[in-house]
Amino acid sequence: MAQDFRNAVARSQGTAAANILTGGNYDAVIGIRCTNITTAEILVDVYVVRSSANYYLCKQAAITPGGSLELIQGGSKIVLASGDVLAHDCNTDNALDIWVSYIDTISA
């Protein structure tokens, strides 16, 4: 079975909640890396919004200056159903780069 690998990226994110990926027909998120691009510690939230409820992958996770946080590793994955939204925010403006790797439409 052929796989359709994709990525979604966001640069210099801040305190406003922002969507990074909306699930289509069962997308498998295979990697999420959050990087602090500032010189001070930041706190990061990453979550899935489903039916107006937030389901957190991490909440107020601390990332040191210049450091990063890998949320999915070792072959694990998160499946987004159609309409699920992967979102994020942090406590500091212009502080967060985020990279999401996923497989598009793992089920038709």
N, C-alpha and C. Protein backbone atom coordinates (compact mmCIF):
# COMPACT_ATOMS: atom_id res chain seq x y z
N MET A 1 0.84 -1.17 0.00
CA MET A 1 0.00 0.00 0.00
C MET A 1 0.89 1.24 0.00
N ALA A 2 0.69 2.13 -0.94
CA ALA A 2 1.45 3.37 -1.01
C ALA A 2 1.00 4.32 0.09
N GLN A 3 1.95 5.04 0.65
CA GLN A 3 1.64 6.00 1.71
C GLN A 3 1.88 7.41 1.18
N ASP A 4 1.08 8.33 1.65
CA ASP A 4 1.18 9.73 1.23
C ASP A 4 1.69 10.54 2.42
N PHE A 5 3.01 10.65 2.56
CA PHE A 5 3.63 11.36 3.67
C PHE A 5 3.55 12.86 3.44
N ARG A 6 3.21 13.60 4.50
CA ARG A 6 3.06 15.05 4.43
C ARG A 6 3.67 15.68 5.67
N ASN A 7 3.77 17.03 5.65
CA ASN A 7 4.16 17.76 6.86
C ASN A 7 3.40 19.06 6.92
N ALA A 8 3.32 19.58 8.13
CA ALA A 8 2.71 20.89 8.38
C ALA A 8 3.65 21.60 9.34
N VAL A 9 3.97 22.86 9.04
CA VAL A 9 4.90 23.60 9.88
C VAL A 9 4.33 24.97 10.23
N ALA A 10 4.77 25.47 11.37
CA ALA A 10 4.39 26.81 11.79
C ALA A 10 5.61 27.46 12.42
N ARG A 11 5.85 28.72 12.10
CA ARG A 11 7.04 29.44 12.57
C ARG A 11 6.64 30.58 13.49
N SER A 12 7.44 30.79 14.51
CA SER A 12 7.29 31.93 15.43
C SER A 12 5.89 32.04 16.00
N GLN A 13 5.37 30.95 16.49
CA GLN A 13 4.04 30.94 17.08
C GLN A 13 4.08 31.54 18.47
N GLY A 14 2.90 31.93 18.98
CA GLY A 14 2.86 32.58 20.27
C GLY A 14 1.66 32.23 21.11
N THR A 15 1.14 33.24 21.80
CA THR A 15 0.14 33.03 22.82
C THR A 15 -1.27 32.74 22.29
N ALA A 16 -1.54 33.07 21.06
CA ALA A 16 -2.86 32.78 20.49
C ALA A 16 -2.91 31.32 20.03
N ALA A 17 -3.98 30.63 20.38
CA ALA A 17 -4.15 29.26 19.90
C ALA A 17 -4.16 29.25 18.38
N ALA A 18 -3.51 28.26 17.79
CA ALA A 18 -3.43 28.18 16.33
C ALA A 18 -3.58 26.74 15.89
N ASN A 19 -4.30 26.55 14.80
CA ASN A 19 -4.46 25.23 14.21
C ASN A 19 -3.29 24.95 13.29
N ILE A 20 -2.80 23.71 13.34
CA ILE A 20 -1.72 23.35 12.44
C ILE A 20 -2.13 22.27 11.45
N LEU A 21 -3.15 21.47 11.78
CA LEU A 21 -3.56 20.39 10.88
C LEU A 21 -5.01 20.02 11.18
N THR A 22 -5.80 19.89 10.13
CA THR A 22 -7.17 19.40 10.28
C THR A 22 -7.24 18.02 9.66
N GLY A 23 -7.72 17.06 10.44
CA GLY A 23 -7.81 15.68 9.99
C GLY A 23 -8.76 15.53 8.82
N GLY A 24 -8.33 14.73 7.86
CA GLY A 24 -9.17 14.43 6.70
C GLY A 24 -9.84 13.09 6.91
N ASN A 25 -9.48 12.14 6.13
CA ASN A 25 -10.07 10.81 6.22
C ASN A 25 -9.11 9.90 6.97
N TYR A 26 -8.99 10.11 8.27
CA TYR A 26 -8.12 9.35 9.16
C TYR A 26 -6.65 9.50 8.78
N ASP A 27 -6.09 10.64 9.20
CA ASP A 27 -4.67 10.93 9.02
C ASP A 27 -3.91 10.44 10.24
N ALA A 28 -2.73 9.85 10.03
CA ALA A 28 -1.91 9.36 11.12
C ALA A 28 -0.76 10.34 11.36
N VAL A 29 -0.76 10.99 12.52
CA VAL A 29 0.34 11.89 12.89
C VAL A 29 1.46 11.01 13.42
N ILE A 30 2.63 11.12 12.78
CA ILE A 30 3.75 10.25 13.15
C ILE A 30 4.90 11.02 13.79
N GLY A 31 4.78 12.34 13.86
CA GLY A 31 5.82 13.13 14.52
C GLY A 31 5.35 14.53 14.82
N ILE A 32 5.68 15.01 16.03
CA ILE A 32 5.43 16.40 16.41
C ILE A 32 6.66 16.88 17.16
N ARG A 33 7.33 17.89 16.62
CA ARG A 33 8.48 18.49 17.30
C ARG A 33 8.19 19.95 17.54
N CYS A 34 8.31 20.36 18.80
CA CYS A 34 8.14 21.76 19.22
C CYS A 34 9.51 22.30 19.61
N THR A 35 9.89 23.46 19.09
CA THR A 35 11.20 24.04 19.36
C THR A 35 11.06 25.45 19.89
N ASN A 36 11.77 25.72 20.97
CA ASN A 36 11.82 27.06 21.57
C ASN A 36 12.87 27.87 20.82
N ILE A 37 12.46 28.95 20.17
CA ILE A 37 13.40 29.76 19.39
C ILE A 37 13.80 31.04 20.13
N THR A 38 13.56 31.07 21.44
CA THR A 38 13.90 32.25 22.24
C THR A 38 15.03 31.94 23.22
N THR A 39 15.36 32.92 24.04
CA THR A 39 16.42 32.76 25.03
C THR A 39 15.87 32.58 26.44
N ALA A 40 14.56 32.32 26.55
CA ALA A 40 13.93 32.07 27.85
C ALA A 40 13.06 30.82 27.76
N GLU A 41 12.81 30.17 28.88
CA GLU A 41 11.95 29.00 28.89
C GLU A 41 10.53 29.36 28.45
N ILE A 42 9.90 28.46 27.69
CA ILE A 42 8.50 28.64 27.29
C ILE A 42 7.69 27.44 27.76
N LEU A 43 6.36 27.63 27.83
CA LEU A 43 5.42 26.57 28.16
C LEU A 43 4.51 26.35 26.96
N VAL A 44 4.36 25.10 26.56
CA VAL A 44 3.68 24.77 25.32
C VAL A 44 2.49 23.84 25.59
N ASP A 45 1.39 24.10 24.87
CA ASP A 45 0.25 23.20 24.83
C ASP A 45 0.11 22.68 23.41
N VAL A 46 -0.13 21.38 23.27
CA VAL A 46 -0.48 20.78 21.98
C VAL A 46 -1.69 19.89 22.26
N TYR A 47 -2.72 20.04 21.43
CA TYR A 47 -3.95 19.32 21.72
C TYR A 47 -4.76 19.09 20.45
N VAL A 48 -5.70 18.14 20.54
CA VAL A 48 -6.63 17.86 19.46
C VAL A 48 -7.98 18.41 19.88
N VAL A 49 -8.60 19.17 18.98
CA VAL A 49 -9.95 19.69 19.21
C VAL A 49 -10.92 18.78 18.48
N ARG A 50 -11.85 18.22 19.24
CA ARG A 50 -12.90 17.38 18.67
C ARG A 50 -14.22 17.80 19.30
N SER A 51 -15.17 18.17 18.47
CA SER A 51 -16.49 18.59 18.95
C SER A 51 -16.38 19.67 20.03
N SER A 52 -15.55 20.66 19.80
CA SER A 52 -15.34 21.81 20.69
C SER A 52 -14.67 21.46 22.02
N ALA A 53 -14.17 20.24 22.19
CA ALA A 53 -13.45 19.86 23.41
C ALA A 53 -11.97 19.68 23.08
N ASN A 54 -11.09 20.12 23.99
CA ASN A 54 -9.65 19.97 23.81
C ASN A 54 -9.15 18.71 24.50
N TYR A 55 -8.40 17.89 23.76
CA TYR A 55 -7.78 16.68 24.29
C TYR A 55 -6.27 16.88 24.19
N TYR A 56 -5.61 17.06 25.32
CA TYR A 56 -4.21 17.49 25.35
C TYR A 56 -3.23 16.35 25.12
N LEU A 57 -2.26 16.61 24.26
CA LEU A 57 -1.09 15.74 24.10
C LEU A 57 -0.01 16.17 25.07
N CYS A 58 0.07 17.48 25.31
CA CYS A 58 0.91 18.03 26.37
C CYS A 58 0.28 19.35 26.80
N LYS A 59 0.40 19.66 28.08
CA LYS A 59 -0.18 20.89 28.61
C LYS A 59 0.87 21.55 29.49
N GLN A 60 1.20 22.79 29.13
CA GLN A 60 2.20 23.57 29.86
C GLN A 60 3.54 22.82 29.96
N ALA A 61 3.92 22.17 28.87
CA ALA A 61 5.21 21.48 28.81
C ALA A 61 6.33 22.52 28.68
N ALA A 62 7.30 22.46 29.57
CA ALA A 62 8.41 23.42 29.56
C ALA A 62 9.45 23.01 28.53
N ILE A 63 9.89 24.01 27.75
CA ILE A 63 10.98 23.81 26.79
C ILE A 63 12.05 24.85 27.09
N THR A 64 13.26 24.40 27.33
CA THR A 64 14.36 25.29 27.66
C THR A 64 14.77 26.13 26.44
N PRO A 65 15.48 27.24 26.65
CA PRO A 65 15.92 28.08 25.53
C PRO A 65 16.70 27.27 24.49
N GLY A 66 16.28 27.35 23.26
CA GLY A 66 16.96 26.63 22.18
C GLY A 66 16.69 25.14 22.17
N GLY A 67 15.88 24.65 23.09
CA GLY A 67 15.59 23.23 23.18
C GLY A 67 14.36 22.85 22.38
N SER A 68 14.11 21.54 22.33
CA SER A 68 12.93 21.06 21.62
C SER A 68 12.27 19.92 22.40
N LEU A 69 11.04 19.65 22.03
CA LEU A 69 10.24 18.60 22.65
C LEU A 69 9.66 17.75 21.55
N GLU A 70 9.95 16.45 21.59
CA GLU A 70 9.42 15.50 20.62
C GLU A 70 8.24 14.80 21.27
N LEU A 71 7.04 15.01 20.72
CA LEU A 71 5.83 14.46 21.35
C LEU A 71 5.48 13.06 20.88
N ILE A 72 5.88 12.68 19.70
CA ILE A 72 5.58 11.34 19.19
C ILE A 72 6.91 10.75 18.74
N GLN A 73 7.23 9.57 19.29
CA GLN A 73 8.51 8.94 18.95
C GLN A 73 8.39 7.43 19.10
N GLY A 74 9.40 6.73 18.66
CA GLY A 74 9.46 5.29 18.83
C GLY A 74 8.39 4.51 18.11
N GLY A 75 7.91 5.03 16.98
CA GLY A 75 6.93 4.30 16.19
C GLY A 75 5.48 4.52 16.62
N SER A 76 5.26 5.32 17.66
CA SER A 76 3.87 5.59 18.06
C SER A 76 3.25 6.58 17.08
N LYS A 77 1.93 6.71 17.13
CA LYS A 77 1.23 7.63 16.24
C LYS A 77 -0.09 8.04 16.86
N ILE A 78 -0.66 9.10 16.34
CA ILE A 78 -1.97 9.58 16.75
C ILE A 78 -2.81 9.68 15.48
N VAL A 79 -4.00 9.14 15.53
CA VAL A 79 -4.88 9.17 14.36
C VAL A 79 -5.90 10.29 14.54
N LEU A 80 -5.97 11.17 13.54
CA LEU A 80 -6.96 12.25 13.53
C LEU A 80 -8.12 11.83 12.66
N ALA A 81 -9.31 11.79 13.25
CA ALA A 81 -10.52 11.50 12.48
C ALA A 81 -10.88 12.72 11.65
N SER A 82 -11.72 12.53 10.69
CA SER A 82 -12.16 13.64 9.85
C SER A 82 -12.76 14.74 10.72
N GLY A 83 -12.23 15.96 10.57
CA GLY A 83 -12.69 17.11 11.34
C GLY A 83 -11.93 17.38 12.62
N ASP A 84 -11.15 16.43 13.12
CA ASP A 84 -10.29 16.70 14.28
C ASP A 84 -9.28 17.77 13.89
N VAL A 85 -8.94 18.65 14.84
CA VAL A 85 -7.97 19.70 14.57
C VAL A 85 -6.82 19.59 15.56
N LEU A 86 -5.60 19.51 15.04
CA LEU A 86 -4.40 19.55 15.87
C LEU A 86 -4.03 21.01 16.06
N ALA A 87 -3.98 21.46 17.32
CA ALA A 87 -3.75 22.88 17.62
C ALA A 87 -2.64 23.01 18.66
N HIS A 88 -2.16 24.25 18.82
CA HIS A 88 -1.07 24.50 19.76
C HIS A 88 -1.09 25.96 20.20
N ASP A 89 -0.40 26.24 21.29
CA ASP A 89 -0.11 27.59 21.72
C ASP A 89 1.02 27.54 22.73
N CYS A 90 1.52 28.69 23.12
CA CYS A 90 2.54 28.76 24.16
C CYS A 90 2.37 30.06 24.93
N ASN A 91 3.14 30.22 25.98
CA ASN A 91 2.94 31.37 26.87
C ASN A 91 3.73 32.61 26.45
N THR A 92 4.46 32.56 25.32
CA THR A 92 5.31 33.66 24.90
C THR A 92 5.11 33.92 23.41
N ASP A 93 4.94 35.17 23.04
CA ASP A 93 4.79 35.50 21.62
C ASP A 93 6.06 35.23 20.84
N ASN A 94 5.89 34.82 19.58
CA ASN A 94 7.00 34.60 18.64
C ASN A 94 8.08 33.69 19.21
N ALA A 95 7.66 32.60 19.86
CA ALA A 95 8.62 31.76 20.59
C ALA A 95 8.70 30.32 20.12
N LEU A 96 7.71 29.85 19.37
CA LEU A 96 7.59 28.42 19.10
C LEU A 96 7.59 28.12 17.62
N ASP A 97 8.48 27.22 17.20
CA ASP A 97 8.39 26.60 15.89
C ASP A 97 7.86 25.19 16.12
N ILE A 98 6.98 24.74 15.24
CA ILE A 98 6.41 23.40 15.39
C ILE A 98 6.38 22.71 14.03
N TRP A 99 6.76 21.44 14.02
CA TRP A 99 6.82 20.64 12.81
C TRP A 99 6.02 19.37 13.05
N VAL A 100 5.07 19.09 12.17
CA VAL A 100 4.23 17.90 12.28
C VAL A 100 4.40 17.06 11.02
N SER A 101 4.71 15.79 11.20
CA SER A 101 4.78 14.84 10.09
C SER A 101 3.58 13.91 10.19
N TYR A 102 2.95 13.63 9.05
CA TYR A 102 1.78 12.77 9.10
C TYR A 102 1.59 12.01 7.78
N ILE A 103 0.80 10.95 7.86
CA ILE A 103 0.43 10.19 6.67
C ILE A 103 -1.00 10.57 6.36
N ASP A 104 -1.21 11.06 5.15
CA ASP A 104 -2.52 11.54 4.72
C ASP A 104 -3.42 10.39 4.30
N THR A 105 -4.63 10.39 4.79
CA THR A 105 -5.68 9.45 4.40
C THR A 105 -5.22 8.01 4.48
N ILE A 106 -5.12 7.51 5.72
CA ILE A 106 -4.69 6.11 5.89
C ILE A 106 -5.85 5.14 5.68
N SER A 107 -7.08 5.66 5.57
CA SER A 107 -8.25 4.81 5.35
C SER A 107 -9.23 5.56 4.48
N ALA A 108 -9.78 4.90 3.53
CA ALA A 108 -10.77 5.55 2.65
C ALA A 108 -12.15 5.07 2.95
